[in-house]
Amino acid sequence: MKKGFTLVELMVVIAVIAILATIALFGIQKAQAAARDTQRQQIANTMRAAEERYYGDHGTYAADFGALATYMADPTDPGCGTGPQPLTLAGATSVLTPANCTVNPPVSYTITNSGSTADYTITLVKESGGNSVFLSPK
């Protein structure tokens, strides 16, 4: 009597290993996206602090990211798995979107004022879904 595995047994083992590897890969990708979103929240917190410094100097909040260029260094977004993406504040509008992020909806940082510069809202659209909103203190 020969000892060993049949071809069918080997194929079943290979299929099970492939399924487990696929599940692990998707879990790792989601964890990486969540980690990048955590870095983005830190960038949004830095933007919020820059808004407060701007307010301290001017008595109003900045209407766009370009006005914050002297209050913080250009941030580097962690990218969407494509490597770090620099975000340029100088001359920027009220929306910053990292290049090469093809997730839907796209990752973005948005600054808005309610018709005046008495308050602001910074909204972060996350790669892993959802938004984070940072409001000016009232």
C-alpha atoms as a PDB file:
ATOM      1  CA  MET A   1       0.000   0.000   0.000  1.00  0.00           C
ATOM      2  CA  LYS A   2       1.357   3.398  -1.021  1.00  0.00           C
ATOM      3  CA  LYS A   3       1.503   6.249   1.426  1.00  0.00           C
ATOM      4  CA  GLY A   4       0.853   9.851   0.350  1.00  0.00           C
ATOM      5  CA  PHE A   5      -1.831  12.302  -0.651  1.00  0.00           C
ATOM      6  CA  THR A   6      -4.129  12.035  -3.619  1.00  0.00           C
ATOM      7  CA  LEU A   7      -4.376  14.806  -6.163  1.00  0.00           C
ATOM      8  CA  VAL A   8      -7.862  15.725  -4.922  1.00  0.00           C
ATOM      9  CA  GLU A   9      -6.635  16.118  -1.345  1.00  0.00           C
ATOM     10  CA  LEU A  10      -3.789  18.374  -2.461  1.00  0.00           C
ATOM     11  CA  MET A  11      -6.158  20.506  -4.555  1.00  0.00           C
ATOM     12  CA  VAL A  12      -8.533  20.949  -1.578  1.00  0.00           C
ATOM     13  CA  VAL A  13      -5.658  22.053   0.676  1.00  0.00           C
ATOM     14  CA  ILE A  14      -4.397  24.540  -1.934  1.00  0.00           C
ATOM     15  CA  ALA A  15      -7.915  25.962  -2.380  1.00  0.00           C
ATOM     16  CA  VAL A  16      -8.353  26.435   1.377  1.00  0.00           C
ATOM     17  CA  ILE A  17      -4.968  28.185   1.648  1.00  0.00           C
ATOM     18  CA  ALA A  18      -5.866  30.502  -1.264  1.00  0.00           C
ATOM     19  CA  ILE A  19      -9.186  31.444   0.356  1.00  0.00           C
ATOM     20  CA  LEU A  20      -7.508  32.195   3.696  1.00  0.00           C
ATOM     21  CA  ALA A  21      -4.809  34.288   1.990  1.00  0.00           C
ATOM     22  CA  THR A  22      -7.471  36.323   0.153  1.00  0.00           C
ATOM     23  CA  ILE A  23      -9.368  37.011   3.372  1.00  0.00           C
ATOM     24  CA  ALA A  24      -6.174  38.101   5.123  1.00  0.00           C
ATOM     25  CA  LEU A  25      -5.190  40.392   2.235  1.00  0.00           C
ATOM     26  CA  PHE A  26      -8.504  42.278   2.314  1.00  0.00           C
ATOM     27  CA  GLY A  27      -8.268  42.659   6.092  1.00  0.00           C
ATOM     28  CA  ILE A  28      -4.777  44.122   5.813  1.00  0.00           C
ATOM     29  CA  GLN A  29      -5.877  46.593   3.123  1.00  0.00           C
ATOM     30  CA  LYS A  30      -8.736  47.860   5.308  1.00  0.00           C
ATOM     31  CA  ALA A  31      -6.405  48.253   8.275  1.00  0.00           C
ATOM     32  CA  GLN A  32      -3.935  50.213   6.136  1.00  0.00           C
ATOM     33  CA  ALA A  33      -6.713  52.541   4.912  1.00  0.00           C
ATOM     34  CA  ALA A  34      -7.815  53.139   8.508  1.00  0.00           C
ATOM     35  CA  ALA A  35      -4.223  53.968   9.504  1.00  0.00           C
ATOM     36  CA  ARG A  36      -3.928  56.471   6.629  1.00  0.00           C
ATOM     37  CA  ASP A  37      -7.215  58.065   7.760  1.00  0.00           C
ATOM     38  CA  THR A  38      -5.772  58.466  11.248  1.00  0.00           C
ATOM     39  CA  GLN A  39      -2.832  60.362   9.730  1.00  0.00           C
ATOM     40  CA  ARG A  40      -5.294  62.524   7.796  1.00  0.00           C
ATOM     41  CA  GLN A  41      -7.137  63.390  11.008  1.00  0.00           C
ATOM     42  CA  GLN A  42      -3.833  64.614  12.436  1.00  0.00           C
ATOM     43  CA  ILE A  43      -3.376  66.818   9.344  1.00  0.00           C
ATOM     44  CA  ALA A  44      -6.908  68.206   9.823  1.00  0.00           C
ATOM     45  CA  ASN A  45      -6.099  68.921  13.490  1.00  0.00           C
ATOM     46  CA  THR A  46      -3.000  70.813  12.349  1.00  0.00           C
ATOM     47  CA  MET A  47      -5.178  72.811   9.934  1.00  0.00           C
ATOM     48  CA  ARG A  48      -7.534  73.607  12.795  1.00  0.00           C
ATOM     49  CA  ALA A  49      -4.640  74.850  14.928  1.00  0.00           C
ATOM     50  CA  ALA A  50      -3.437  76.990  11.996  1.00  0.00           C
ATOM     51  CA  GLU A  51      -6.941  78.492  11.727  1.00  0.00           C
ATOM     52  CA  GLU A  52      -6.802  79.450  15.392  1.00  0.00           C
ATOM     53  CA  ARG A  53      -3.362  81.064  14.984  1.00  0.00           C
ATOM     54  CA  TYR A  54      -4.680  82.943  11.923  1.00  0.00           C
ATOM     55  CA  TYR A  55      -7.646  84.135  13.997  1.00  0.00           C
ATOM     56  CA  GLY A  56      -5.312  85.320  16.736  1.00  0.00           C
ATOM     57  CA  ASP A  57      -3.418  87.489  14.254  1.00  0.00           C
ATOM     58  CA  HIS A  58      -6.291  88.747  12.072  1.00  0.00           C
ATOM     59  CA  GLY A  59      -9.451  88.590  14.198  1.00  0.00           C
ATOM     60  CA  THR A  60     -11.202  86.472  11.540  1.00  0.00           C
ATOM     61  CA  TYR A  61     -10.805  82.929  10.277  1.00  0.00           C
ATOM     62  CA  ALA A  62      -9.133  82.137   6.946  1.00  0.00           C
ATOM     63  CA  ALA A  63     -11.493  81.623   4.025  1.00  0.00           C
ATOM     64  CA  ASP A  64      -9.248  79.135   2.197  1.00  0.00           C
ATOM     65  CA  PHE A  65      -6.149  77.014   2.609  1.00  0.00           C
ATOM     66  CA  GLY A  66      -3.947  79.534   0.806  1.00  0.00           C
ATOM     67  CA  ALA A  67      -4.317  81.945   3.727  1.00  0.00           C
ATOM     68  CA  LEU A  68      -3.029  79.255   6.096  1.00  0.00           C
ATOM     69  CA  ALA A  69       0.224  78.749   4.168  1.00  0.00           C
ATOM     70  CA  THR A  70       2.190  80.980   6.531  1.00  0.00           C
ATOM     71  CA  TYR A  71       0.724  79.281   9.619  1.00  0.00           C
ATOM     72  CA  MET A  72       1.651  75.680   8.810  1.00  0.00           C
ATOM     73  CA  ALA A  73       4.010  73.772   6.546  1.00  0.00           C
ATOM     74  CA  ASP A  74       2.575  72.092   3.471  1.00  0.00           C
ATOM     75  CA  PRO A  75       1.165  68.801   4.773  1.00  0.00           C
ATOM     76  CA  THR A  76       1.915  65.430   3.208  1.00  0.00           C
ATOM     77  CA  ASP A  77      -1.127  63.210   2.773  1.00  0.00           C
ATOM     78  CA  PRO A  78      -0.328  59.500   3.259  1.00  0.00           C
ATOM     79  CA  GLY A  79      -1.766  58.724  -0.190  1.00  0.00           C
ATOM     80  CA  CYS A  80      -4.121  55.878  -1.021  1.00  0.00           C
ATOM     81  CA  GLY A  81      -1.599  53.075  -1.096  1.00  0.00           C
ATOM     82  CA  THR A  82       0.461  54.911  -3.722  1.00  0.00           C
ATOM     83  CA  GLY A  83       2.886  56.593  -1.354  1.00  0.00           C
ATOM     84  CA  PRO A  84       2.886  60.042   0.265  1.00  0.00           C
ATOM     85  CA  GLN A  85       1.283  62.898  -1.670  1.00  0.00           C
ATOM     86  CA  PRO A  86       2.314  66.492  -0.881  1.00  0.00           C
ATOM     87  CA  LEU A  87      -0.518  68.997  -0.525  1.00  0.00           C
ATOM     88  CA  THR A  88       0.362  72.552  -1.515  1.00  0.00           C
ATOM     89  CA  LEU A  89      -1.369  75.235   0.537  1.00  0.00           C
ATOM     90  CA  ALA A  90      -0.041  78.336  -1.247  1.00  0.00           C
ATOM     91  CA  GLY A  91      -2.637  79.516  -3.739  1.00  0.00           C
ATOM     92  CA  ALA A  92      -4.946  76.674  -2.761  1.00  0.00           C
ATOM     93  CA  THR A  93      -8.704  76.957  -2.825  1.00  0.00           C
ATOM     94  CA  SER A  94     -11.075  75.706  -0.186  1.00  0.00           C
ATOM     95  CA  VAL A  95     -10.655  72.031  -1.248  1.00  0.00           C
ATOM     96  CA  LEU A  96      -7.446  69.964  -1.170  1.00  0.00           C
ATOM     97  CA  THR A  97      -7.402  66.530  -2.799  1.00  0.00           C
ATOM     98  CA  PRO A  98      -4.311  64.312  -2.869  1.00  0.00           C
ATOM     99  CA  ALA A  99      -3.201  63.153  -6.319  1.00  0.00           C
ATOM    100  CA  ASN A 100      -3.470  59.481  -7.281  1.00  0.00           C
ATOM    101  CA  CYS A 101      -6.282  58.719  -4.826  1.00  0.00           C
ATOM    102  CA  THR A 102      -8.845  56.864  -6.877  1.00  0.00           C
ATOM    103  CA  VAL A 103     -11.221  55.877  -4.078  1.00  0.00           C
ATOM    104  CA  ASN A 104     -14.856  56.916  -4.392  1.00  0.00           C
ATOM    105  CA  PRO A 105     -15.734  59.384  -2.940  1.00  0.00           C
ATOM    106  CA  PRO A 106     -12.280  60.934  -3.277  1.00  0.00           C
ATOM    107  CA  VAL A 107     -10.273  61.781  -0.176  1.00  0.00           C
ATOM    108  CA  SER A 108     -10.420  65.529   0.399  1.00  0.00           C
ATOM    109  CA  TYR A 109      -9.934  68.280   2.922  1.00  0.00           C
ATOM    110  CA  THR A 110     -12.514  71.100   2.705  1.00  0.00           C
ATOM    111  CA  ILE A 111     -12.616  74.399   4.589  1.00  0.00           C
ATOM    112  CA  THR A 112     -15.829  76.427   4.639  1.00  0.00           C
ATOM    113  CA  ASN A 113     -17.066  79.558   6.336  1.00  0.00           C
ATOM    114  CA  SER A 114     -20.714  80.350   7.003  1.00  0.00           C
ATOM    115  CA  GLY A 115     -20.870  83.440   4.815  1.00  0.00           C
ATOM    116  CA  SER A 116     -18.525  85.328   7.114  1.00  0.00           C
ATOM    117  CA  THR A 117     -15.146  84.635   8.597  1.00  0.00           C
ATOM    118  CA  ALA A 118     -16.545  84.429  12.124  1.00  0.00           C
ATOM    119  CA  ASP A 119     -16.368  80.640  12.131  1.00  0.00           C
ATOM    120  CA  TYR A 120     -15.147  77.728  10.018  1.00  0.00           C
ATOM    121  CA  THR A 121     -15.684  74.043   9.317  1.00  0.00           C
ATOM    122  CA  ILE A 122     -12.943  71.685   8.182  1.00  0.00           C
ATOM    123  CA  THR A 123     -14.328  68.488   6.657  1.00  0.00           C
ATOM    124  CA  LEU A 124     -12.203  65.422   5.945  1.00  0.00           C
ATOM    125  CA  VAL A 125     -13.617  62.786   3.579  1.00  0.00           C
ATOM    126  CA  LYS A 126     -11.967  59.533   4.628  1.00  0.00           C
ATOM    127  CA  GLU A 127     -10.578  56.780   2.427  1.00  0.00           C
ATOM    128  CA  SER A 128     -12.238  54.077   4.523  1.00  0.00           C
ATOM    129  CA  GLY A 129     -15.599  55.851   4.310  1.00  0.00           C
ATOM    130  CA  GLY A 130     -17.300  58.557   6.318  1.00  0.00           C
ATOM    131  CA  ASN A 131     -16.303  62.084   7.217  1.00  0.00           C
ATOM    132  CA  SER A 132     -14.638  63.864  10.109  1.00  0.00           C
ATOM    133  CA  VAL A 133     -15.826  67.389  10.802  1.00  0.00           C
ATOM    134  CA  PHE A 134     -13.839  69.963  12.782  1.00  0.00           C
ATOM    135  CA  LEU A 135     -15.777  73.064  13.822  1.00  0.00           C
ATOM    136  CA  SER A 136     -14.503  76.392  15.058  1.00  0.00           C
ATOM    137  CA  PRO A 137     -15.029  76.959  18.755  1.00  0.00           C
ATOM    138  CA  LYS A 138     -18.186  78.980  19.381  1.00  0.00           C
END
